[in-house]
Amino acid sequence: MLSWSGTEQGLEVDLKNVRNASGGVDVSFARELVDFATAATEFDLAALTVARNKLMKLAGLAATVDVAAVIANFEMMTRLADSTGARMQTEVVADRLAVATAMGVDDVVSRR
């Protein structure tokens, strides 16, 4: 979705920059975004509170609420797909694997 959104807005999105939350990312609070998303998916209330407060201080309340809504939506979509037993087509899996590798998602350990 991120690369599609960038394309629609005429932006080139380098997913490796998203992973690193460093050079090349034109978001002043990129590191805080990554930290908040990570804490939210790790179910660590203390880390989540710290990350949320840092993000809110830099990005504001409205942006923090939007980020939380996006995280919740992705969590919901994953659970919904898992519960239905939905399977992706082989070519879709290959495309998503390339994106996951670029962003470092394949390095993350599943909670299952």
C-alpha atoms as a PDB file:
ATOM      1  CA  MET A   1       0.000   0.000   0.000  1.00  0.00           C
ATOM      2  CA  LEU A   2       2.822   2.387   0.811  1.00  0.00           C
ATOM      3  CA  SER A   3       4.517   2.076  -2.559  1.00  0.00           C
ATOM      4  CA  TRP A   4       1.151   2.311  -4.353  1.00  0.00           C
ATOM      5  CA  SER A   5       0.221   5.410  -2.372  1.00  0.00           C
ATOM      6  CA  GLY A   6       3.557   7.022  -3.219  1.00  0.00           C
ATOM      7  CA  THR A   7       3.108   6.230  -6.897  1.00  0.00           C
ATOM      8  CA  GLU A   8      -0.384   7.734  -6.869  1.00  0.00           C
ATOM      9  CA  GLN A   9       1.046  10.927  -5.374  1.00  0.00           C
ATOM     10  CA  GLY A  10       3.934  11.051  -7.864  1.00  0.00           C
ATOM     11  CA  LEU A  11       6.518  10.096  -5.244  1.00  0.00           C
ATOM     12  CA  GLU A  12       9.172   7.419  -5.456  1.00  0.00           C
ATOM     13  CA  VAL A  13       9.156   5.370  -2.264  1.00  0.00           C
ATOM     14  CA  ASP A  14      12.289   3.438  -1.376  1.00  0.00           C
ATOM     15  CA  LEU A  15      11.087   0.799   1.075  1.00  0.00           C
ATOM     16  CA  LYS A  16      14.616   0.339   2.456  1.00  0.00           C
ATOM     17  CA  ASN A  17      14.433   3.915   3.726  1.00  0.00           C
ATOM     18  CA  VAL A  18      11.193   3.116   5.506  1.00  0.00           C
ATOM     19  CA  ARG A  19      12.902   0.190   7.198  1.00  0.00           C
ATOM     20  CA  ASN A  20      15.841   2.295   8.329  1.00  0.00           C
ATOM     21  CA  ALA A  21      13.777   5.383   9.170  1.00  0.00           C
ATOM     22  CA  SER A  22      16.811   7.423   8.268  1.00  0.00           C
ATOM     23  CA  GLY A  23      18.360   9.127   5.238  1.00  0.00           C
ATOM     24  CA  GLY A  24      16.057   9.799   2.322  1.00  0.00           C
ATOM     25  CA  VAL A  25      12.834   9.790   4.319  1.00  0.00           C
ATOM     26  CA  ASP A  26      11.073  13.140   4.150  1.00  0.00           C
ATOM     27  CA  VAL A  27       9.216  12.651   7.423  1.00  0.00           C
ATOM     28  CA  SER A  28      10.710  14.415  10.427  1.00  0.00           C
ATOM     29  CA  PHE A  29       9.251  11.825  12.805  1.00  0.00           C
ATOM     30  CA  ALA A  30      10.016   8.660  10.787  1.00  0.00           C
ATOM     31  CA  ARG A  31      11.895   6.967  13.646  1.00  0.00           C
ATOM     32  CA  GLU A  32       8.990   7.677  16.017  1.00  0.00           C
ATOM     33  CA  LEU A  33       6.524   6.208  13.506  1.00  0.00           C
ATOM     34  CA  VAL A  34       8.511   2.984  13.303  1.00  0.00           C
ATOM     35  CA  ASP A  35       8.932   2.828  17.088  1.00  0.00           C
ATOM     36  CA  PHE A  36       5.194   3.381  17.650  1.00  0.00           C
ATOM     37  CA  ALA A  37       4.190   0.738  15.101  1.00  0.00           C
ATOM     38  CA  THR A  38       6.684  -1.722  16.567  1.00  0.00           C
ATOM     39  CA  ALA A  39       5.502  -1.159  20.153  1.00  0.00           C
ATOM     40  CA  ALA A  40       1.853  -1.441  19.095  1.00  0.00           C
ATOM     41  CA  THR A  41       2.387  -4.828  17.479  1.00  0.00           C
ATOM     42  CA  GLU A  42       4.538  -6.188  20.301  1.00  0.00           C
ATOM     43  CA  PHE A  43       1.815  -5.635  22.919  1.00  0.00           C
ATOM     44  CA  ASP A  44       4.279  -3.916  25.272  1.00  0.00           C
ATOM     45  CA  LEU A  45       2.195  -1.316  27.116  1.00  0.00           C
ATOM     46  CA  ALA A  46       5.179   0.505  28.639  1.00  0.00           C
ATOM     47  CA  ALA A  47       7.004   0.769  25.287  1.00  0.00           C
ATOM     48  CA  LEU A  48       3.756   1.735  23.564  1.00  0.00           C
ATOM     49  CA  THR A  49       3.127   4.554  26.047  1.00  0.00           C
ATOM     50  CA  VAL A  50       6.636   5.951  25.566  1.00  0.00           C
ATOM     51  CA  ALA A  51       6.481   5.638  21.766  1.00  0.00           C
ATOM     52  CA  ARG A  52       2.995   7.179  21.588  1.00  0.00           C
ATOM     53  CA  ASN A  53       4.037  10.147  23.725  1.00  0.00           C
ATOM     54  CA  LYS A  54       7.141  10.779  21.602  1.00  0.00           C
ATOM     55  CA  LEU A  55       5.133  10.570  18.382  1.00  0.00           C
ATOM     56  CA  MET A  56       2.415  12.841  19.759  1.00  0.00           C
ATOM     57  CA  LYS A  57       5.002  15.433  20.818  1.00  0.00           C
ATOM     58  CA  LEU A  58       6.559  15.556  17.325  1.00  0.00           C
ATOM     59  CA  ALA A  59       3.617  14.822  15.021  1.00  0.00           C
ATOM     60  CA  GLY A  60       0.654  16.022  17.057  1.00  0.00           C
ATOM     61  CA  LEU A  61      -2.489  14.352  18.313  1.00  0.00           C
ATOM     62  CA  ALA A  62      -4.281  14.110  14.940  1.00  0.00           C
ATOM     63  CA  ALA A  63      -1.355  12.373  13.218  1.00  0.00           C
ATOM     64  CA  THR A  64      -0.899   9.999  16.155  1.00  0.00           C
ATOM     65  CA  VAL A  65      -4.580   9.042  16.039  1.00  0.00           C
ATOM     66  CA  ASP A  66      -4.303   8.446  12.272  1.00  0.00           C
ATOM     67  CA  VAL A  67      -1.230   6.251  12.747  1.00  0.00           C
ATOM     68  CA  ALA A  68      -2.989   4.243  15.474  1.00  0.00           C
ATOM     69  CA  ALA A  69      -5.989   3.753  13.171  1.00  0.00           C
ATOM     70  CA  VAL A  70      -3.763   2.484  10.343  1.00  0.00           C
ATOM     71  CA  ILE A  71      -2.021   0.037  12.691  1.00  0.00           C
ATOM     72  CA  ALA A  72      -5.376  -1.202  14.004  1.00  0.00           C
ATOM     73  CA  ASN A  73      -6.702  -1.616  10.465  1.00  0.00           C
ATOM     74  CA  PHE A  74      -3.715  -3.707   9.389  1.00  0.00           C
ATOM     75  CA  GLU A  75      -4.015  -5.867  12.496  1.00  0.00           C
ATOM     76  CA  MET A  76      -7.730  -6.356  11.790  1.00  0.00           C
ATOM     77  CA  MET A  77      -7.173  -7.239   8.128  1.00  0.00           C
ATOM     78  CA  THR A  78      -4.520  -9.813   9.029  1.00  0.00           C
ATOM     79  CA  ARG A  79      -6.740 -11.473  11.632  1.00  0.00           C
ATOM     80  CA  LEU A  80      -9.707 -11.462   9.283  1.00  0.00           C
ATOM     81  CA  ALA A  81      -7.729 -13.056   6.460  1.00  0.00           C
ATOM     82  CA  ASP A  82      -6.226 -15.641   8.829  1.00  0.00           C
ATOM     83  CA  SER A  83      -9.634 -16.544  10.239  1.00  0.00           C
ATOM     84  CA  THR A  84     -11.135 -17.152   6.806  1.00  0.00           C
ATOM     85  CA  GLY A  85      -8.218 -19.280   5.655  1.00  0.00           C
ATOM     86  CA  ALA A  86      -7.679 -16.950   2.681  1.00  0.00           C
ATOM     87  CA  ARG A  87      -4.620 -17.719   0.573  1.00  0.00           C
ATOM     88  CA  MET A  88      -2.850 -15.353  -1.797  1.00  0.00           C
ATOM     89  CA  GLN A  89      -2.007 -16.242  -5.386  1.00  0.00           C
ATOM     90  CA  THR A  90       1.579 -17.374  -6.006  1.00  0.00           C
ATOM     91  CA  GLU A  91       2.541 -14.226  -7.941  1.00  0.00           C
ATOM     92  CA  VAL A  92       1.129 -11.990  -5.204  1.00  0.00           C
ATOM     93  CA  VAL A  93       3.151 -13.869  -2.588  1.00  0.00           C
ATOM     94  CA  ALA A  94       6.339 -13.365  -4.644  1.00  0.00           C
ATOM     95  CA  ASP A  95       5.693  -9.611  -5.016  1.00  0.00           C
ATOM     96  CA  ARG A  96       4.947  -9.179  -1.318  1.00  0.00           C
ATOM     97  CA  LEU A  97       8.029 -11.168  -0.344  1.00  0.00           C
ATOM     98  CA  ALA A  98      10.201  -8.724  -2.284  1.00  0.00           C
ATOM     99  CA  VAL A  99       8.579  -5.798  -0.446  1.00  0.00           C
ATOM    100  CA  ALA A 100       8.892  -7.562   2.921  1.00  0.00           C
ATOM    101  CA  THR A 101      12.573  -8.229   2.296  1.00  0.00           C
ATOM    102  CA  ALA A 102      13.225  -4.605   1.312  1.00  0.00           C
ATOM    103  CA  MET A 103      11.539  -3.371   4.495  1.00  0.00           C
ATOM    104  CA  GLY A 104      13.091  -6.007   6.769  1.00  0.00           C
ATOM    105  CA  VAL A 105       9.726  -7.515   7.672  1.00  0.00           C
ATOM    106  CA  ASP A 106      11.017 -11.016   7.016  1.00  0.00           C
ATOM    107  CA  ASP A 107      13.451 -10.477   9.942  1.00  0.00           C
ATOM    108  CA  VAL A 108      10.566 -10.035  12.389  1.00  0.00           C
ATOM    109  CA  VAL A 109       9.655 -13.055  14.505  1.00  0.00           C
ATOM    110  CA  SER A 110       5.987 -13.994  14.432  1.00  0.00           C
ATOM    111  CA  ARG A 111       4.055 -13.956  17.694  1.00  0.00           C
ATOM    112  CA  ARG A 112       2.240 -17.143  16.629  1.00  0.00           C
END
